[in-house]
Amino acid sequence: MQEKILKGEEQSDDLLPLPDRDIPISESTPEHIIPLALGGLNTFTLPVSANFNSQVGSEIDGALANDFLVKGQRDKHGARGHSGKHPEYVVRNASDAVTGEPLQVTLGQRRGLRIWSPRGMRDVTGRGQKIKIAFRMDMDVELQFVAKVALSAGYFFYGNRFRHQVKHRDLRMIMNHRPNEMGEALTTIEARYDQRFREPETDNDRIRRAIVTGFGARSVVALIPDSHSLSVVVGILGSYLGMLNVPADTRGFPNTDDFRWGHFIVLDKPLPIADSVWKLLHKIAKLA
């Protein structure tokens, strides 16, 4: 009998995804729960549909890795992807504010600002020109990324209990569709979301940030259950990215004793470090 795994790919004629299914292991590839370019490790992966992995790698992981602010973090901490190239933010549609000459601008914390003239095929850095630069920030992709991490990490930690006792349909909807694509289906989503640009207002907001930002430039995932929901908190390269909370029946989850407040995993090289949120919060309290 061929070994089966959880399939991450959804096929549907409308916005309502079909239930997740098993696929043969031969049709899978390892999906980096946090990609290498965002501080991930080759040891923190989950086998998923090869087609799904390719699509998510481009449309979600790749898009977030090229976000203007995230690219700055990657540059600062030297977080390289599979290509091994040092990350820098490249603006290909810049222009001279006076002459309108098209320019390509490269911004990097390590190598500084560089300006290239495609028309003249020359470096024009340091000539004192005023430059027009347009930045685009995709506010939806971070939500899609947190949903993807929540799906993968949830199954990584809890296996079939996550599959059968968590409303992961919400996570799949969020991962696969932008809010303006969902129409009335958006009203069926019960998941709550917190994101990096919102100022923390409550103690829980501050605790979530403390859990994932206290490990230097490392990326962190935390899973925090209560009796009726599961929260997945994601930090990349030392910065808080966001949180999704979804309805869940957490009875029977491995959350006893020190793990009663959940699990966290720090992506430290060469192997990730996993421990309990309860222990971590006690360490934070002692340092405060």
C-alpha atoms as a PDB file:
ATOM      1  CA  MET A   1       0.000   0.000   0.000  1.00  0.00           C
ATOM      2  CA  GLN A   2       1.306   3.405  -0.963  1.00  0.00           C
ATOM      3  CA  GLU A   3       1.932   5.797   1.932  1.00  0.00           C
ATOM      4  CA  LYS A   4      -0.476   8.743   2.082  1.00  0.00           C
ATOM      5  CA  ILE A   5      -0.018  12.296   3.306  1.00  0.00           C
ATOM      6  CA  LEU A   6      -2.200  15.314   3.905  1.00  0.00           C
ATOM      7  CA  LYS A   7      -2.785  17.216   0.693  1.00  0.00           C
ATOM      8  CA  GLY A   8      -2.505  20.983   0.778  1.00  0.00           C
ATOM      9  CA  GLU A   9      -4.021  21.650  -2.635  1.00  0.00           C
ATOM     10  CA  GLU A  10      -7.664  22.614  -2.955  1.00  0.00           C
ATOM     11  CA  GLN A  11      -9.773  22.200  -6.089  1.00  0.00           C
ATOM     12  CA  SER A  12     -13.131  23.919  -6.360  1.00  0.00           C
ATOM     13  CA  ASP A  13     -15.390  25.519  -8.914  1.00  0.00           C
ATOM     14  CA  ASP A  14     -16.249  28.342  -6.529  1.00  0.00           C
ATOM     15  CA  LEU A  15     -14.911  29.999  -3.399  1.00  0.00           C
ATOM     16  CA  LEU A  16     -15.753  27.100  -1.121  1.00  0.00           C
ATOM     17  CA  PRO A  17     -12.811  24.693  -1.065  1.00  0.00           C
ATOM     18  CA  LEU A  18     -13.423  20.958  -1.011  1.00  0.00           C
ATOM     19  CA  PRO A  19     -12.237  19.084   2.090  1.00  0.00           C
ATOM     20  CA  ASP A  20      -8.534  18.294   2.256  1.00  0.00           C
ATOM     21  CA  ARG A  21      -7.587  14.897   0.908  1.00  0.00           C
ATOM     22  CA  ASP A  22      -4.723  12.405   1.024  1.00  0.00           C
ATOM     23  CA  ILE A  23      -2.300  11.971  -1.851  1.00  0.00           C
ATOM     24  CA  PRO A  24       0.439   9.407  -2.541  1.00  0.00           C
ATOM     25  CA  ILE A  25       3.781  10.378  -1.023  1.00  0.00           C
ATOM     26  CA  SER A  26       5.269  10.064  -4.526  1.00  0.00           C
ATOM     27  CA  GLU A  27       3.243  13.125  -5.607  1.00  0.00           C
ATOM     28  CA  SER A  28       4.530  15.296  -2.764  1.00  0.00           C
ATOM     29  CA  THR A  29       7.448  17.628  -2.187  1.00  0.00           C
ATOM     30  CA  PRO A  30       8.661  19.120   1.135  1.00  0.00           C
ATOM     31  CA  GLU A  31       7.001  22.465   1.798  1.00  0.00           C
ATOM     32  CA  HIS A  32       9.033  24.835   3.958  1.00  0.00           C
ATOM     33  CA  ILE A  33       6.613  25.992   6.646  1.00  0.00           C
ATOM     34  CA  ILE A  34       8.765  29.134   6.852  1.00  0.00           C
ATOM     35  CA  PRO A  35      10.776  29.515   3.611  1.00  0.00           C
ATOM     36  CA  LEU A  36      14.561  29.822   3.761  1.00  0.00           C
ATOM     37  CA  ALA A  37      14.348  33.417   2.540  1.00  0.00           C
ATOM     38  CA  LEU A  38      12.338  34.296   5.676  1.00  0.00           C
ATOM     39  CA  GLY A  39      14.530  32.497   8.183  1.00  0.00           C
ATOM     40  CA  GLY A  40      13.260  28.961   7.643  1.00  0.00           C
ATOM     41  CA  LEU A  41      15.103  25.657   7.886  1.00  0.00           C
ATOM     42  CA  ASN A  42      15.249  22.540   5.733  1.00  0.00           C
ATOM     43  CA  THR A  43      14.347  20.597   8.883  1.00  0.00           C
ATOM     44  CA  PHE A  44      11.003  22.382   9.398  1.00  0.00           C
ATOM     45  CA  THR A  45       9.007  21.092   6.442  1.00  0.00           C
ATOM     46  CA  LEU A  46       5.838  19.186   5.649  1.00  0.00           C
ATOM     47  CA  PRO A  47       5.146  16.999   2.573  1.00  0.00           C
ATOM     48  CA  VAL A  48       2.392  18.509   0.432  1.00  0.00           C
ATOM     49  CA  SER A  49       1.122  18.356  -3.137  1.00  0.00           C
ATOM     50  CA  ALA A  50       3.928  19.300  -5.519  1.00  0.00           C
ATOM     51  CA  ASN A  51       1.611  21.544  -7.573  1.00  0.00           C
ATOM     52  CA  PHE A  52       0.349  23.297  -4.465  1.00  0.00           C
ATOM     53  CA  ASN A  53       3.897  23.759  -3.170  1.00  0.00           C
ATOM     54  CA  SER A  54       5.016  25.393  -6.401  1.00  0.00           C
ATOM     55  CA  GLN A  55       2.033  27.760  -6.468  1.00  0.00           C
ATOM     56  CA  VAL A  56       2.337  28.818  -2.841  1.00  0.00           C
ATOM     57  CA  GLY A  57       6.096  29.246  -3.157  1.00  0.00           C
ATOM     58  CA  SER A  58       5.591  31.792  -5.911  1.00  0.00           C
ATOM     59  CA  GLU A  59       2.344  33.550  -5.014  1.00  0.00           C
ATOM     60  CA  ILE A  60       2.646  33.717  -1.213  1.00  0.00           C
ATOM     61  CA  ASP A  61       6.146  32.895   0.069  1.00  0.00           C
ATOM     62  CA  GLY A  62       7.893  34.692  -2.794  1.00  0.00           C
ATOM     63  CA  ALA A  63       5.584  37.695  -2.666  1.00  0.00           C
ATOM     64  CA  LEU A  64       6.165  38.220   1.062  1.00  0.00           C
ATOM     65  CA  ALA A  65       9.919  37.707   0.710  1.00  0.00           C
ATOM     66  CA  ASN A  66       9.934  40.562  -1.823  1.00  0.00           C
ATOM     67  CA  ASP A  67       7.819  42.916   0.296  1.00  0.00           C
ATOM     68  CA  PHE A  68       9.677  46.231   0.710  1.00  0.00           C
ATOM     69  CA  LEU A  69       9.918  46.103   4.515  1.00  0.00           C
ATOM     70  CA  VAL A  70      10.575  42.368   4.638  1.00  0.00           C
ATOM     71  CA  LYS A  71      13.290  42.694   2.015  1.00  0.00           C
ATOM     72  CA  GLY A  72      14.979  45.239   4.293  1.00  0.00           C
ATOM     73  CA  GLN A  73      14.924  42.733   7.168  1.00  0.00           C
ATOM     74  CA  ARG A  74      16.316  40.019   4.928  1.00  0.00           C
ATOM     75  CA  ASP A  75      19.082  42.358   3.788  1.00  0.00           C
ATOM     76  CA  LYS A  76      19.926  43.318   7.367  1.00  0.00           C
ATOM     77  CA  HIS A  77      20.121  39.723   8.588  1.00  0.00           C
ATOM     78  CA  GLY A  78      21.481  38.129   5.415  1.00  0.00           C
ATOM     79  CA  ALA A  79      18.486  35.813   4.977  1.00  0.00           C
ATOM     80  CA  ARG A  80      19.043  34.117   1.634  1.00  0.00           C
ATOM     81  CA  GLY A  81      16.660  31.896  -0.265  1.00  0.00           C
ATOM     82  CA  HIS A  82      17.403  28.824  -2.373  1.00  0.00           C
ATOM     83  CA  SER A  83      19.371  30.940  -4.863  1.00  0.00           C
ATOM     84  CA  GLY A  84      21.912  31.877  -2.205  1.00  0.00           C
ATOM     85  CA  LYS A  85      21.961  35.496  -3.392  1.00  0.00           C
ATOM     86  CA  HIS A  86      22.126  38.293  -0.837  1.00  0.00           C
ATOM     87  CA  PRO A  87      18.714  40.024  -0.745  1.00  0.00           C
ATOM     88  CA  GLU A  88      18.415  43.625  -1.897  1.00  0.00           C
ATOM     89  CA  TYR A  89      15.355  45.615  -2.921  1.00  0.00           C
ATOM     90  CA  VAL A  90      15.403  46.551  -6.608  1.00  0.00           C
ATOM     91  CA  VAL A  91      13.104  49.251  -8.037  1.00  0.00           C
ATOM     92  CA  ARG A  92      13.037  48.729 -11.783  1.00  0.00           C
ATOM     93  CA  ASN A  93      10.547  51.468 -12.652  1.00  0.00           C
ATOM     94  CA  ALA A  94      12.265  54.457 -11.023  1.00  0.00           C
ATOM     95  CA  SER A  95      12.987  57.595 -13.011  1.00  0.00           C
ATOM     96  CA  ASP A  96      14.886  60.867 -12.906  1.00  0.00           C
ATOM     97  CA  ALA A  97      12.461  63.422 -11.423  1.00  0.00           C
ATOM     98  CA  VAL A  98      13.688  66.154 -13.796  1.00  0.00           C
ATOM     99  CA  THR A  99      14.451  64.461 -17.120  1.00  0.00           C
ATOM    100  CA  GLY A 100      12.159  61.448 -16.812  1.00  0.00           C
ATOM    101  CA  GLU A 101      15.014  59.118 -17.724  1.00  0.00           C
ATOM    102  CA  PRO A 102      14.192  55.577 -16.605  1.00  0.00           C
ATOM    103  CA  LEU A 103      16.430  54.328 -13.836  1.00  0.00           C
ATOM    104  CA  GLN A 104      16.914  51.162 -11.805  1.00  0.00           C
ATOM    105  CA  VAL A 105      17.539  51.713  -8.102  1.00  0.00           C
ATOM    106  CA  THR A 106      18.976  49.106  -5.765  1.00  0.00           C
ATOM    107  CA  LEU A 107      18.524  49.663  -2.034  1.00  0.00           C
ATOM    108  CA  GLY A 108      20.593  47.697   0.439  1.00  0.00           C
ATOM    109  CA  GLN A 109      21.648  48.177   4.033  1.00  0.00           C
ATOM    110  CA  ARG A 110      24.953  46.467   3.402  1.00  0.00           C
ATOM    111  CA  ARG A 111      25.948  47.907   0.027  1.00  0.00           C
ATOM    112  CA  GLY A 112      23.973  51.129   0.180  1.00  0.00           C
ATOM    113  CA  LEU A 113      22.094  52.911  -2.632  1.00  0.00           C
ATOM    114  CA  ARG A 114      23.015  52.223  -6.253  1.00  0.00           C
ATOM    115  CA  ILE A 115      21.483  53.752  -9.373  1.00  0.00           C
ATOM    116  CA  TRP A 116      21.724  52.266 -12.832  1.00  0.00           C
ATOM    117  CA  SER A 117      20.738  53.868 -16.156  1.00  0.00           C
ATOM    118  CA  PRO A 118      19.370  51.175 -18.516  1.00  0.00           C
ATOM    119  CA  ARG A 119      19.348  53.679 -21.362  1.00  0.00           C
ATOM    120  CA  GLY A 120      22.962  54.703 -20.932  1.00  0.00           C
ATOM    121  CA  MET A 121      24.061  51.264 -19.675  1.00  0.00           C
ATOM    122  CA  ARG A 122      26.063  52.918 -16.887  1.00  0.00           C
ATOM    123  CA  ASP A 123      26.157  53.417 -13.142  1.00  0.00           C
ATOM    124  CA  VAL A 124      24.941  56.926 -12.243  1.00  0.00           C
ATOM    125  CA  THR A 125      25.157  56.613  -8.455  1.00  0.00           C
ATOM    126  CA  GLY A 126      26.175  59.769  -6.585  1.00  0.00           C
ATOM    127  CA  ARG A 127      25.311  62.349  -9.256  1.00  0.00           C
ATOM    128  CA  GLY A 128      22.909  64.229  -7.018  1.00  0.00           C
ATOM    129  CA  GLN A 129      19.807  63.650  -9.138  1.00  0.00           C
ATOM    130  CA  LYS A 130      16.282  63.643  -7.751  1.00  0.00           C
ATOM    131  CA  ILE A 131      14.621  60.289  -8.289  1.00  0.00           C
ATOM    132  CA  LYS A 132      11.013  59.169  -8.397  1.00  0.00           C
ATOM    133  CA  ILE A 133      10.501  55.799  -6.749  1.00  0.00           C
ATOM    134  CA  ALA A 134       7.198  53.969  -6.319  1.00  0.00           C
ATOM    135  CA  PHE A 135       6.877  51.255  -3.684  1.00  0.00           C
ATOM    136  CA  ARG A 136       4.072  48.727  -3.616  1.00  0.00           C
ATOM    137  CA  MET A 137       3.076  46.955  -0.413  1.00  0.00           C
ATOM    138  CA  ASP A 138       0.681  44.020  -0.597  1.00  0.00           C
ATOM    139  CA  MET A 139      -1.323  44.048   2.636  1.00  0.00           C
ATOM    140  CA  ASP A 140      -3.150  40.811   1.758  1.00  0.00           C
ATOM    141  CA  VAL A 141      -0.116  38.590   1.232  1.00  0.00           C
ATOM    142  CA  GLU A 142       0.987  38.683   4.879  1.00  0.00           C
ATOM    143  CA  LEU A 143      -2.466  37.420   5.902  1.00  0.00           C
ATOM    144  CA  GLN A 144      -2.270  34.667   3.284  1.00  0.00           C
ATOM    145  CA  PHE A 145       1.206  33.750   4.535  1.00  0.00           C
ATOM    146  CA  VAL A 146       0.125  33.543   8.193  1.00  0.00           C
ATOM    147  CA  ALA A 147      -2.797  31.324   7.117  1.00  0.00           C
ATOM    148  CA  LYS A 148      -0.403  29.068   5.194  1.00  0.00           C
ATOM    149  CA  VAL A 149       1.920  28.787   8.182  1.00  0.00           C
ATOM    150  CA  ALA A 150      -1.039  28.105  10.470  1.00  0.00           C
ATOM    151  CA  LEU A 151      -2.209  25.238   8.253  1.00  0.00           C
ATOM    152  CA  SER A 152       1.237  23.681   7.931  1.00  0.00           C
ATOM    153  CA  ALA A 153       2.377  24.200  11.523  1.00  0.00           C
ATOM    154  CA  GLY A 154      -0.987  23.064  12.897  1.00  0.00           C
ATOM    155  CA  TYR A 155      -0.729  19.761  11.087  1.00  0.00           C
ATOM    156  CA  PHE A 156       3.007  19.510  11.895  1.00  0.00           C
ATOM    157  CA  PHE A 157       2.299  19.750  15.645  1.00  0.00           C
ATOM    158  CA  TYR A 158      -1.136  18.149  16.004  1.00  0.00           C
ATOM    159  CA  GLY A 159      -1.567  15.844  13.001  1.00  0.00           C
ATOM    160  CA  ASN A 160      -5.077  14.444  12.552  1.00  0.00           C
ATOM    161  CA  ARG A 161      -6.379  16.221  15.659  1.00  0.00           C
ATOM    162  CA  PHE A 162      -5.755  19.474  13.809  1.00  0.00           C
ATOM    163  CA  ARG A 163      -7.384  18.039  10.740  1.00  0.00           C
ATOM    164  CA  HIS A 164     -10.563  16.930  12.524  1.00  0.00           C
ATOM    165  CA  GLN A 165     -10.930  19.402  15.428  1.00  0.00           C
ATOM    166  CA  VAL A 166      -9.879  22.779  13.997  1.00  0.00           C
ATOM    167  CA  LYS A 167     -11.894  24.895  11.569  1.00  0.00           C
ATOM    168  CA  HIS A 168      -9.034  24.941   9.074  1.00  0.00           C
ATOM    169  CA  ARG A 169     -11.501  25.698   6.285  1.00  0.00           C
ATOM    170  CA  ASP A 170     -11.173  29.351   7.369  1.00  0.00           C
ATOM    171  CA  LEU A 171      -7.406  29.135   7.008  1.00  0.00           C
ATOM    172  CA  ARG A 172      -7.666  27.590   3.548  1.00  0.00           C
ATOM    173  CA  MET A 173     -10.122  30.262   2.444  1.00  0.00           C
ATOM    174  CA  ILE A 174      -7.827  33.031   3.669  1.00  0.00           C
ATOM    175  CA  MET A 175      -4.756  31.430   2.099  1.00  0.00           C
ATOM    176  CA  ASN A 176      -6.379  30.816  -1.289  1.00  0.00           C
ATOM    177  CA  HIS A 177      -8.370  34.024  -1.748  1.00  0.00           C
ATOM    178  CA  ARG A 178      -7.977  37.722  -1.128  1.00  0.00           C
ATOM    179  CA  PRO A 179     -10.840  39.342   0.822  1.00  0.00           C
ATOM    180  CA  ASN A 180     -12.233  41.118  -2.256  1.00  0.00           C
ATOM    181  CA  GLU A 181     -12.481  37.761  -4.059  1.00  0.00           C
ATOM    182  CA  MET A 182     -14.605  36.017  -1.441  1.00  0.00           C
ATOM    183  CA  GLY A 183     -17.894  37.840  -1.784  1.00  0.00           C
ATOM    184  CA  GLU A 184     -20.566  36.508   0.591  1.00  0.00           C
ATOM    185  CA  ALA A 185     -18.271  33.623   1.595  1.00  0.00           C
ATOM    186  CA  LEU A 186     -16.315  36.174   3.621  1.00  0.00           C
ATOM    187  CA  THR A 187     -19.208  36.331   6.102  1.00  0.00           C
ATOM    188  CA  THR A 188     -18.758  32.639   6.955  1.00  0.00           C
ATOM    189  CA  ILE A 189     -15.182  33.084   8.177  1.00  0.00           C
ATOM    190  CA  GLU A 190     -14.932  33.162  11.971  1.00  0.00           C
ATOM    191  CA  ALA A 191     -11.154  33.523  12.176  1.00  0.00           C
ATOM    192  CA  ARG A 192      -9.779  36.634  13.893  1.00  0.00           C
ATOM    193  CA  TYR A 193      -6.599  38.303  12.707  1.00  0.00           C
ATOM    194  CA  ASP A 194      -3.926  40.559  14.143  1.00  0.00           C
ATOM    195  CA  GLN A 195      -1.184  42.048  11.977  1.00  0.00           C
ATOM    196  CA  ARG A 196       2.212  43.708  12.251  1.00  0.00           C
ATOM    197  CA  PHE A 197       1.098  47.318  11.711  1.00  0.00           C
ATOM    198  CA  ARG A 198      -1.552  47.398  14.417  1.00  0.00           C
ATOM    199  CA  GLU A 199      -0.538  48.905  17.739  1.00  0.00           C
ATOM    200  CA  PRO A 200      -0.895  46.375  20.595  1.00  0.00           C
ATOM    201  CA  GLU A 201      -3.845  47.331  22.791  1.00  0.00           C
ATOM    202  CA  THR A 202      -4.145  44.500  25.318  1.00  0.00           C
ATOM    203  CA  ASP A 203      -1.841  42.337  27.412  1.00  0.00           C
ATOM    204  CA  ASN A 204      -2.548  39.433  25.049  1.00  0.00           C
ATOM    205  CA  ASP A 205      -1.418  41.560  22.107  1.00  0.00           C
ATOM    206  CA  ARG A 206       1.845  42.348  23.881  1.00  0.00           C
ATOM    207  CA  ILE A 207       2.362  38.723  24.963  1.00  0.00           C
ATOM    208  CA  ARG A 208       1.965  37.471  21.391  1.00  0.00           C
ATOM    209  CA  ARG A 209       4.632  39.877  20.220  1.00  0.00           C
ATOM    210  CA  ALA A 210       6.972  39.012  23.089  1.00  0.00           C
ATOM    211  CA  ILE A 211       6.735  35.290  22.279  1.00  0.00           C
ATOM    212  CA  VAL A 212       8.018  35.687  18.709  1.00  0.00           C
ATOM    213  CA  THR A 213      10.406  38.644  19.007  1.00  0.00           C
ATOM    214  CA  GLY A 214      12.702  37.552  21.825  1.00  0.00           C
ATOM    215  CA  PHE A 215      15.081  35.370  19.813  1.00  0.00           C
ATOM    216  CA  GLY A 216      17.217  37.842  17.888  1.00  0.00           C
ATOM    217  CA  ALA A 217      16.837  37.556  14.138  1.00  0.00           C
ATOM    218  CA  ARG A 218      15.290  34.082  14.233  1.00  0.00           C
ATOM    219  CA  SER A 219      11.850  33.197  12.938  1.00  0.00           C
ATOM    220  CA  VAL A 220       9.306  31.745  15.373  1.00  0.00           C
ATOM    221  CA  VAL A 221       5.908  30.031  15.244  1.00  0.00           C
ATOM    222  CA  ALA A 222       3.707  29.619  18.335  1.00  0.00           C
ATOM    223  CA  LEU A 223       0.467  27.642  18.679  1.00  0.00           C
ATOM    224  CA  ILE A 224      -1.682  28.754  21.611  1.00  0.00           C
ATOM    225  CA  PRO A 225      -4.931  26.853  22.323  1.00  0.00           C
ATOM    226  CA  ASP A 226      -7.830  27.542  24.608  1.00  0.00           C
ATOM    227  CA  SER A 227     -10.969  25.480  25.103  1.00  0.00           C
ATOM    228  CA  HIS A 228     -12.703  26.720  21.941  1.00  0.00           C
ATOM    229  CA  SER A 229     -10.026  28.090  19.609  1.00  0.00           C
ATOM    230  CA  LEU A 230      -6.444  27.873  18.405  1.00  0.00           C
ATOM    231  CA  SER A 231      -4.180  30.880  17.821  1.00  0.00           C
ATOM    232  CA  VAL A 232      -1.157  30.647  15.537  1.00  0.00           C
ATOM    233  CA  VAL A 233       1.386  33.445  15.968  1.00  0.00           C
ATOM    234  CA  VAL A 234       4.116  34.038  13.386  1.00  0.00           C
ATOM    235  CA  GLY A 235       7.322  36.052  13.622  1.00  0.00           C
ATOM    236  CA  ILE A 236       9.946  36.304  10.891  1.00  0.00           C
ATOM    237  CA  LEU A 237      13.569  37.370  11.306  1.00  0.00           C
ATOM    238  CA  GLY A 238      12.952  38.766  14.779  1.00  0.00           C
ATOM    239  CA  SER A 239       9.803  40.754  13.921  1.00  0.00           C
ATOM    240  CA  TYR A 240       6.150  40.045  14.620  1.00  0.00           C
ATOM    241  CA  LEU A 241       4.185  39.342  11.428  1.00  0.00           C
ATOM    242  CA  GLY A 242       0.713  38.385  12.566  1.00  0.00           C
ATOM    243  CA  MET A 243      -1.730  35.998  14.265  1.00  0.00           C
ATOM    244  CA  LEU A 244      -4.772  34.009  13.233  1.00  0.00           C
ATOM    245  CA  ASN A 245      -7.250  32.618  15.750  1.00  0.00           C
ATOM    246  CA  VAL A 246      -9.680  29.952  14.512  1.00  0.00           C
ATOM    247  CA  PRO A 247     -12.469  27.990  16.209  1.00  0.00           C
ATOM    248  CA  ALA A 248     -11.255  24.631  17.524  1.00  0.00           C
ATOM    249  CA  ASP A 249     -12.173  21.835  19.903  1.00  0.00           C
ATOM    250  CA  THR A 250      -8.804  21.358  21.617  1.00  0.00           C
ATOM    251  CA  ARG A 251      -9.842  18.446  23.854  1.00  0.00           C
ATOM    252  CA  GLY A 252      -7.233  15.708  23.517  1.00  0.00           C
ATOM    253  CA  PHE A 253      -4.558  18.029  22.149  1.00  0.00           C
ATOM    254  CA  PRO A 254      -1.069  17.398  23.662  1.00  0.00           C
ATOM    255  CA  ASN A 255      -1.355  20.532  25.803  1.00  0.00           C
ATOM    256  CA  THR A 256      -0.960  19.194  29.317  1.00  0.00           C
ATOM    257  CA  ASP A 257       1.435  20.187  32.090  1.00  0.00           C
ATOM    258  CA  ASP A 258       4.050  22.649  30.777  1.00  0.00           C
ATOM    259  CA  PHE A 259       2.332  22.679  27.390  1.00  0.00           C
ATOM    260  CA  ARG A 260      -1.060  23.803  28.711  1.00  0.00           C
ATOM    261  CA  TRP A 261      -0.486  27.240  27.107  1.00  0.00           C
ATOM    262  CA  GLY A 262       0.727  25.760  23.867  1.00  0.00           C
ATOM    263  CA  HIS A 263       3.909  25.211  21.877  1.00  0.00           C
ATOM    264  CA  PHE A 264       6.449  27.392  20.150  1.00  0.00           C
ATOM    265  CA  ILE A 265       9.259  26.576  17.749  1.00  0.00           C
ATOM    266  CA  VAL A 266      12.346  28.712  17.122  1.00  0.00           C
ATOM    267  CA  LEU A 267      14.066  28.169  13.781  1.00  0.00           C
ATOM    268  CA  ASP A 268      17.614  28.036  15.040  1.00  0.00           C
ATOM    269  CA  LYS A 269      20.385  26.480  12.952  1.00  0.00           C
ATOM    270  CA  PRO A 270      20.964  23.647  12.354  1.00  0.00           C
ATOM    271  CA  LEU A 271      17.832  22.333  14.092  1.00  0.00           C
ATOM    272  CA  PRO A 272      14.666  24.063  15.309  1.00  0.00           C
ATOM    273  CA  ILE A 273      14.107  24.381  19.059  1.00  0.00           C
ATOM    274  CA  ALA A 274      10.635  23.474  20.328  1.00  0.00           C
ATOM    275  CA  ASP A 275       9.375  24.140  23.840  1.00  0.00           C
ATOM    276  CA  SER A 276       6.311  25.228  25.804  1.00  0.00           C
ATOM    277  CA  VAL A 277       4.838  28.722  25.771  1.00  0.00           C
ATOM    278  CA  TRP A 278       4.420  28.430  29.563  1.00  0.00           C
ATOM    279  CA  LYS A 279       8.188  28.050  30.066  1.00  0.00           C
ATOM    280  CA  LEU A 280       8.904  30.878  27.655  1.00  0.00           C
ATOM    281  CA  LEU A 281       6.550  33.302  29.391  1.00  0.00           C
ATOM    282  CA  HIS A 282       8.136  32.485  32.746  1.00  0.00           C
ATOM    283  CA  LYS A 283      11.555  33.292  31.298  1.00  0.00           C
ATOM    284  CA  ILE A 284      10.229  36.574  29.900  1.00  0.00           C
ATOM    285  CA  ALA A 285       8.687  37.445  33.291  1.00  0.00           C
ATOM    286  CA  LYS A 286      11.999  36.814  35.070  1.00  0.00           C
ATOM    287  CA  LEU A 287      13.863  39.067  32.639  1.00  0.00           C
ATOM    288  CA  ALA A 288      11.324  41.898  32.915  1.00  0.00           C
END
